Amino acid sequence: MRWVFLALAIWGAIHPMYYFIRWFNENGYDIMAMVDAWHVNAATSGLVWDLTIAAVTLTIWIIYEVIQRRTWLDLIAIPATFCIGVSCGLPLYLFLRSR
């Protein structure tokens, strides 16, 4: 199961980045323009908030468990979550946690 988590983390890093890079190439490398695009309507705003709440929840869980288990390397899943996405951060943390 551990390797399934790693495969999902890799997929969760590559697949969304494909679309982000496409968007940046079409619209310029302006992060605020991307944030504006995320809030173009109520449906996308709801999705953004859904993922934001999931990312914050995952971060709290990671910090809580790292403090208890003293597995400091697991903290790498936090920047992966916020710089890439929950689709990478969650399976990466599960991969790291399963060792």
C-alpha atoms as a PDB file:
ATOM      1  CA  MET A   1       0.000   0.000   0.000  1.00  0.00           C
ATOM      2  CA  ARG A   2       2.929   2.302   0.698  1.00  0.00           C
ATOM      3  CA  TRP A   3       3.922   2.387  -2.969  1.00  0.00           C
ATOM      4  CA  VAL A   4       0.348   3.142  -3.997  1.00  0.00           C
ATOM      5  CA  PHE A   5       0.551   6.277  -1.812  1.00  0.00           C
ATOM      6  CA  LEU A   6       3.813   7.275  -3.482  1.00  0.00           C
ATOM      7  CA  ALA A   7       2.328   6.761  -6.948  1.00  0.00           C
ATOM      8  CA  LEU A   8      -0.683   8.878  -5.966  1.00  0.00           C
ATOM      9  CA  ALA A   9       1.607  11.619  -4.621  1.00  0.00           C
ATOM     10  CA  ILE A  10       3.528  11.694  -7.894  1.00  0.00           C
ATOM     11  CA  TRP A  11       0.310  11.728  -9.906  1.00  0.00           C
ATOM     12  CA  GLY A  12      -1.053  14.428  -7.565  1.00  0.00           C
ATOM     13  CA  ALA A  13       2.005  16.548  -8.295  1.00  0.00           C
ATOM     14  CA  ILE A  14       2.214  16.073 -12.067  1.00  0.00           C
ATOM     15  CA  HIS A  15      -1.411  16.072 -13.203  1.00  0.00           C
ATOM     16  CA  PRO A  16      -2.530  19.364 -11.593  1.00  0.00           C
ATOM     17  CA  MET A  17       0.758  21.056 -12.553  1.00  0.00           C
ATOM     18  CA  TYR A  18       0.050  20.264 -16.191  1.00  0.00           C
ATOM     19  CA  TYR A  19      -3.069  22.418 -16.019  1.00  0.00           C
ATOM     20  CA  PHE A  20      -1.419  25.163 -13.957  1.00  0.00           C
ATOM     21  CA  ILE A  21       1.466  25.432 -16.414  1.00  0.00           C
ATOM     22  CA  ARG A  22      -0.953  25.502 -19.345  1.00  0.00           C
ATOM     23  CA  TRP A  23      -2.909  28.301 -17.660  1.00  0.00           C
ATOM     24  CA  PHE A  24       0.254  30.299 -16.910  1.00  0.00           C
ATOM     25  CA  ASN A  25       1.465  29.895 -20.498  1.00  0.00           C
ATOM     26  CA  GLU A  26      -1.878  31.172 -21.838  1.00  0.00           C
ATOM     27  CA  ASN A  27      -2.428  33.973 -19.302  1.00  0.00           C
ATOM     28  CA  GLY A  28       1.015  35.009 -18.099  1.00  0.00           C
ATOM     29  CA  TYR A  29       2.804  34.178 -14.899  1.00  0.00           C
ATOM     30  CA  ASP A  30       0.663  36.320 -12.608  1.00  0.00           C
ATOM     31  CA  ILE A  31      -0.331  34.457  -9.458  1.00  0.00           C
ATOM     32  CA  MET A  32      -2.987  37.021  -8.535  1.00  0.00           C
ATOM     33  CA  ALA A  33      -4.648  36.524 -11.929  1.00  0.00           C
ATOM     34  CA  MET A  34      -4.795  32.816 -11.147  1.00  0.00           C
ATOM     35  CA  VAL A  35      -6.354  33.503  -7.748  1.00  0.00           C
ATOM     36  CA  ASP A  36      -8.933  35.704  -9.504  1.00  0.00           C
ATOM     37  CA  ALA A  37      -9.642  32.849 -11.939  1.00  0.00           C
ATOM     38  CA  TRP A  38     -10.230  30.495  -9.014  1.00  0.00           C
ATOM     39  CA  HIS A  39     -13.034  32.790  -7.855  1.00  0.00           C
ATOM     40  CA  VAL A  40     -14.718  33.318 -11.222  1.00  0.00           C
ATOM     41  CA  ASN A  41     -18.016  31.881  -9.938  1.00  0.00           C
ATOM     42  CA  ALA A  42     -19.609  30.336  -6.859  1.00  0.00           C
ATOM     43  CA  ALA A  43     -18.750  26.770  -7.915  1.00  0.00           C
ATOM     44  CA  THR A  44     -15.025  27.437  -8.244  1.00  0.00           C
ATOM     45  CA  SER A  45     -14.980  29.503  -5.046  1.00  0.00           C
ATOM     46  CA  GLY A  46     -16.613  26.587  -3.226  1.00  0.00           C
ATOM     47  CA  LEU A  47     -13.981  24.218  -4.579  1.00  0.00           C
ATOM     48  CA  VAL A  48     -11.175  26.578  -3.527  1.00  0.00           C
ATOM     49  CA  TRP A  49     -12.578  26.767   0.008  1.00  0.00           C
ATOM     50  CA  ASP A  50     -13.097  22.996   0.117  1.00  0.00           C
ATOM     51  CA  LEU A  51      -9.445  22.404  -0.767  1.00  0.00           C
ATOM     52  CA  THR A  52      -8.243  25.158   1.567  1.00  0.00           C
ATOM     53  CA  ILE A  53     -10.066  23.646   4.527  1.00  0.00           C
ATOM     54  CA  ALA A  54      -8.733  20.191   3.609  1.00  0.00           C
ATOM     55  CA  ALA A  55      -5.173  21.592   3.380  1.00  0.00           C
ATOM     56  CA  VAL A  56      -5.432  23.303   6.777  1.00  0.00           C
ATOM     57  CA  THR A  57      -6.875  20.127   8.327  1.00  0.00           C
ATOM     58  CA  LEU A  58      -4.078  18.025   6.835  1.00  0.00           C
ATOM     59  CA  THR A  59      -1.468  20.498   8.109  1.00  0.00           C
ATOM     60  CA  ILE A  60      -2.852  20.373  11.654  1.00  0.00           C
ATOM     61  CA  TRP A  61      -2.898  16.563  11.528  1.00  0.00           C
ATOM     62  CA  ILE A  62       0.694  16.419  10.247  1.00  0.00           C
ATOM     63  CA  ILE A  63       1.966  18.808  12.926  1.00  0.00           C
ATOM     64  CA  TYR A  64       0.108  16.932  15.672  1.00  0.00           C
ATOM     65  CA  GLU A  65       1.507  13.558  14.613  1.00  0.00           C
ATOM     66  CA  VAL A  66       5.035  14.853  13.989  1.00  0.00           C
ATOM     67  CA  ILE A  67       5.151  16.245  17.522  1.00  0.00           C
ATOM     68  CA  GLN A  68       3.939  12.921  18.945  1.00  0.00           C
ATOM     69  CA  ARG A  69       6.023  10.606  16.775  1.00  0.00           C
ATOM     70  CA  ARG A  70       9.108  12.824  16.311  1.00  0.00           C
ATOM     71  CA  THR A  71       9.169  12.071  12.581  1.00  0.00           C
ATOM     72  CA  TRP A  72      10.453  15.449  11.415  1.00  0.00           C
ATOM     73  CA  LEU A  73      10.875  14.419   7.772  1.00  0.00           C
ATOM     74  CA  ASP A  74       7.088  14.116   7.529  1.00  0.00           C
ATOM     75  CA  LEU A  75       6.888  17.917   7.680  1.00  0.00           C
ATOM     76  CA  ILE A  76       7.881  17.976   3.986  1.00  0.00           C
ATOM     77  CA  ALA A  77       4.251  17.137   3.201  1.00  0.00           C
ATOM     78  CA  ILE A  78       3.166  20.616   4.387  1.00  0.00           C
ATOM     79  CA  PRO A  79       4.959  22.636   1.678  1.00  0.00           C
ATOM     80  CA  ALA A  80       3.956  19.947  -0.827  1.00  0.00           C
ATOM     81  CA  THR A  81       0.329  20.547   0.171  1.00  0.00           C
ATOM     82  CA  PHE A  82       0.444  24.333  -0.155  1.00  0.00           C
ATOM     83  CA  CYS A  83       2.857  24.618  -3.104  1.00  0.00           C
ATOM     84  CA  ILE A  84       1.470  21.751  -5.182  1.00  0.00           C
ATOM     85  CA  GLY A  85      -1.857  20.734  -3.681  1.00  0.00           C
ATOM     86  CA  VAL A  86      -3.715  18.398  -1.378  1.00  0.00           C
ATOM     87  CA  SER A  87      -3.620  15.816  -4.174  1.00  0.00           C
ATOM     88  CA  CYS A  88       0.141  15.582  -3.611  1.00  0.00           C
ATOM     89  CA  GLY A  89       0.469  16.446   0.081  1.00  0.00           C
ATOM     90  CA  LEU A  90      -1.993  13.900   1.468  1.00  0.00           C
ATOM     91  CA  PRO A  91      -0.679  10.804  -0.332  1.00  0.00           C
ATOM     92  CA  LEU A  92       2.902  11.974   0.304  1.00  0.00           C
ATOM     93  CA  TYR A  93       2.194  12.191   4.027  1.00  0.00           C
ATOM     94  CA  LEU A  94       0.541   8.754   4.002  1.00  0.00           C
ATOM     95  CA  PHE A  95       3.584   7.383   2.169  1.00  0.00           C
ATOM     96  CA  LEU A  96       5.964   8.905   4.718  1.00  0.00           C
ATOM     97  CA  ARG A  97       3.801   7.861   7.659  1.00  0.00           C
ATOM     98  CA  SER A  98       3.662   4.222   6.528  1.00  0.00           C
ATOM     99  CA  ARG A  99       7.408   3.635   6.791  1.00  0.00           C
END
